[in-house]
């Protein structure tokens, strides 16, 4: 399987994991202090072939994602589930620990954040759904992010992420139904 876009990852181990899963080119940021030279490489890659930002599902990974997205719009974003990014040995989290299947799935689900945002889901909807301000909110947001392929967010960022990816009320409702049903069944 070959991917046309260039995949932006954090480091060499991520590149190795990507190449075990698919035939693709990568650009490594080498941490969250992304140099202007690296930003220019990513900008050129976006112009020529397109870019998929594929960072670790943790705070530094989100910081890198936001930095790139703020400077280079229209990149695609791929997200790994946290449980797919954990090593079998315990400590750490990252793309380098993901299985080839999890990497392929995340990359196939990559999508673009919208710059012209329509508010399909309100803060009130999130509160009513128990996604913010409740005991089960964190787990619900985590599962919702997995189902909608938008990654995990805290309560403050969920609304923004839903808008950026233009998640419709219907898609939100369908995913929320699954989350609540799974809770009942547990």
Protein backbone atom coordinates (compact mmCIF):
# COMPACT_ATOMS: atom_id res chain seq x y z
CA UNK A 1 0.00 0.00 0.00
CA UNK A 2 1.43 3.40 -1.06
CA UNK A 3 0.28 6.79 0.24
CA UNK A 4 0.73 9.83 -2.01
CA UNK A 5 0.87 12.37 0.81
CA UNK A 6 3.99 12.90 2.90
CA UNK A 7 3.44 11.94 6.53
CA UNK A 8 4.72 14.29 9.24
CA UNK A 9 5.90 12.40 12.32
CA UNK A 10 7.86 13.30 15.42
CA UNK A 11 10.98 11.17 15.02
CA UNK A 12 13.00 8.39 13.43
CA UNK A 13 11.25 5.58 15.36
CA UNK A 14 7.90 6.84 14.04
CA UNK A 15 9.27 6.75 10.48
CA UNK A 16 10.39 3.15 11.04
CA UNK A 17 6.91 2.19 12.30
CA UNK A 18 5.22 3.92 9.33
CA UNK A 19 7.46 2.09 6.86
CA UNK A 20 6.64 -1.27 8.50
CA UNK A 21 2.96 -0.52 7.82
CA UNK A 22 2.94 1.17 4.41
CA UNK A 23 5.06 2.56 1.60
CA UNK A 24 5.28 6.26 2.42
CA UNK A 25 7.64 9.20 2.74
CA UNK A 26 7.94 11.07 6.03
CA UNK A 27 9.19 14.35 7.43
CA UNK A 28 10.38 14.22 11.03
CA UNK A 29 9.86 17.24 13.29
CA UNK A 30 12.43 16.02 15.84
CA UNK A 31 10.37 17.26 18.77
CA UNK A 32 7.97 20.09 19.50
CA UNK A 33 10.43 22.93 18.83
CA UNK A 34 9.90 22.76 15.07
CA UNK A 35 12.50 24.71 13.12
CA UNK A 36 11.59 27.13 10.35
CA UNK A 37 13.51 24.87 7.96
CA UNK A 38 11.21 21.95 8.87
CA UNK A 39 8.12 24.15 8.51
CA UNK A 40 9.30 25.12 5.02
CA UNK A 41 9.82 21.43 4.10
CA UNK A 42 6.29 20.67 5.27
CA UNK A 43 4.91 23.68 3.36
CA UNK A 44 6.61 22.50 0.15
CA UNK A 45 5.38 18.93 0.73
CA UNK A 46 1.82 20.23 1.17
CA UNK A 47 2.04 22.17 -2.10
CA UNK A 48 3.52 19.28 -4.09
CA UNK A 49 1.93 16.11 -2.69
CA UNK A 50 -0.16 16.92 0.36
CA UNK A 51 0.64 16.24 4.00
CA UNK A 52 -0.82 14.04 6.72
CA UNK A 53 0.09 15.10 10.25
CA UNK A 54 0.46 11.95 12.35
CA UNK A 55 1.77 12.76 15.81
CA UNK A 56 1.65 10.94 19.14
CA UNK A 57 -1.66 11.08 21.06
CA UNK A 58 -0.18 13.11 23.91
CA UNK A 59 0.40 16.76 24.86
CA UNK A 60 3.65 17.25 22.86
CA UNK A 61 2.07 15.55 19.83
CA UNK A 62 -0.93 17.90 20.00
CA UNK A 63 1.40 20.89 20.33
CA UNK A 64 3.25 19.85 17.17
CA UNK A 65 -0.06 19.28 15.34
CA UNK A 66 -1.35 22.74 16.32
CA UNK A 67 1.92 24.47 15.38
CA UNK A 68 1.94 22.93 11.90
CA UNK A 69 -1.79 23.46 11.32
CA UNK A 70 -1.52 27.13 12.28
CA UNK A 71 1.26 27.73 9.74
CA UNK A 72 0.19 25.34 6.97
CA UNK A 73 -3.58 25.06 6.51
CA UNK A 74 -5.37 22.23 4.71
CA UNK A 75 -3.09 19.44 5.92
CA UNK A 76 -4.82 16.15 6.64
CA UNK A 77 -4.78 14.83 10.20
CA UNK A 78 -4.53 11.20 11.31
CA UNK A 79 -5.12 10.12 14.89
CA UNK A 80 -4.12 6.99 16.79
CA UNK A 81 -6.18 5.72 19.69
CA UNK A 82 -4.18 5.97 22.92
CA UNK A 83 -4.44 2.23 23.55
CA UNK A 84 -3.00 1.56 20.07
CA UNK A 85 0.00 3.80 20.84
CA UNK A 86 1.13 2.12 24.06
CA UNK A 87 4.01 -0.36 24.18
CA UNK A 88 3.44 -3.84 25.52
CA UNK A 89 6.24 -3.20 28.03
CA UNK A 90 4.26 -0.47 29.80
CA UNK A 91 5.70 3.06 29.83
CA UNK A 92 5.48 5.56 27.01
CA UNK A 93 3.07 6.40 24.24
CA UNK A 94 3.70 7.00 20.57
CA UNK A 95 3.27 6.15 16.92
CA UNK A 96 6.40 3.98 17.14
CA UNK A 97 4.54 1.49 19.39
CA UNK A 98 1.48 1.10 17.15
CA UNK A 99 0.87 -2.03 15.11
CA UNK A 100 1.02 -1.80 11.31
CA UNK A 101 -2.76 -2.39 11.24
CA UNK A 102 -3.47 0.51 13.63
CA UNK A 103 -1.20 2.80 11.59
CA UNK A 104 -2.89 1.86 8.30
CA UNK A 105 -6.34 2.38 9.82
CA UNK A 106 -5.44 5.82 11.22
CA UNK A 107 -3.93 6.95 7.91
CA UNK A 108 -6.91 5.72 5.88
CA UNK A 109 -9.20 7.76 8.16
CA UNK A 110 -7.12 10.97 7.83
CA UNK A 111 -9.15 14.08 7.11
CA UNK A 112 -8.80 17.82 6.74
CA UNK A 113 -9.75 20.37 9.37
CA UNK A 114 -12.09 23.02 8.01
CA UNK A 115 -11.15 26.69 8.19
CA UNK A 116 -14.71 27.88 7.50
CA UNK A 117 -16.40 26.45 10.54
CA UNK A 118 -20.10 25.89 11.04
CA UNK A 119 -21.28 25.18 14.57
CA UNK A 120 -23.30 21.97 14.21
CA UNK A 121 -22.86 20.97 17.86
CA UNK A 122 -23.07 23.54 20.66
CA UNK A 123 -21.45 23.66 24.10
CA UNK A 124 -24.94 23.04 25.47
CA UNK A 125 -25.14 19.81 23.42
CA UNK A 126 -21.85 18.68 24.97
CA UNK A 127 -23.05 19.43 28.48
CA UNK A 128 -26.38 17.66 27.89
CA UNK A 129 -24.54 14.63 26.49
CA UNK A 130 -22.37 14.41 29.60
CA UNK A 131 -19.19 15.09 27.63
CA UNK A 132 -18.14 17.98 29.85
CA UNK A 133 -18.53 18.57 33.55
CA UNK A 134 -19.44 15.04 34.65
CA UNK A 135 -17.86 12.00 36.25
CA UNK A 136 -17.92 9.96 33.03
CA UNK A 137 -17.04 12.88 30.74
CA UNK A 138 -13.39 12.00 30.12
CA UNK A 139 -14.14 8.40 29.13
CA UNK A 140 -17.05 9.52 26.95
CA UNK A 141 -14.87 12.10 25.14
CA UNK A 142 -12.14 9.53 24.65
CA UNK A 143 -14.53 7.02 23.06
CA UNK A 144 -16.33 9.70 21.01
CA UNK A 145 -12.97 10.87 19.62
CA UNK A 146 -12.18 7.29 18.61
CA UNK A 147 -15.53 6.77 16.89
CA UNK A 148 -15.42 10.10 15.03
CA UNK A 149 -11.69 9.70 14.20
CA UNK A 150 -10.83 13.12 15.67
CA UNK A 151 -8.60 12.00 18.54
CA UNK A 152 -8.98 12.58 22.26
CA UNK A 153 -9.54 16.12 23.55
CA UNK A 154 -10.15 17.71 26.91
CA UNK A 155 -13.48 19.38 27.60
CA UNK A 156 -12.37 22.80 26.41
CA UNK A 157 -11.01 21.52 23.09
CA UNK A 158 -13.84 19.12 22.15
CA UNK A 159 -16.17 21.80 20.80
CA UNK A 160 -13.40 23.34 18.71
CA UNK A 161 -12.31 19.96 17.31
CA UNK A 162 -15.90 19.06 16.38
CA UNK A 163 -16.15 22.37 14.52
CA UNK A 164 -12.74 22.07 12.84
CA UNK A 165 -13.64 18.67 11.43
CA UNK A 166 -17.20 19.79 10.67
CA UNK A 167 -18.76 16.85 12.48
CA UNK A 168 -22.48 16.92 11.70
CA UNK A 169 -25.21 16.68 14.30
CA UNK A 170 -26.17 13.28 12.83
CA UNK A 171 -22.62 11.85 13.02
CA UNK A 172 -22.29 13.21 16.55
CA UNK A 173 -25.62 11.69 17.61
CA UNK A 174 -24.76 8.31 16.06
CA UNK A 175 -21.39 8.18 17.84
CA UNK A 176 -22.90 9.36 21.14
CA UNK A 177 -25.55 6.63 20.92
CA UNK A 178 -22.79 4.01 20.63
CA UNK A 179 -20.87 5.54 23.56
CA UNK A 180 -23.94 5.53 25.81
CA UNK A 181 -24.98 2.03 24.72
CA UNK A 182 -21.50 0.70 25.50
CA UNK A 183 -21.74 2.32 28.95
CA UNK A 184 -25.07 0.58 29.60
CA UNK A 185 -23.71 -2.77 28.45
CA UNK A 186 -20.62 -2.52 30.66
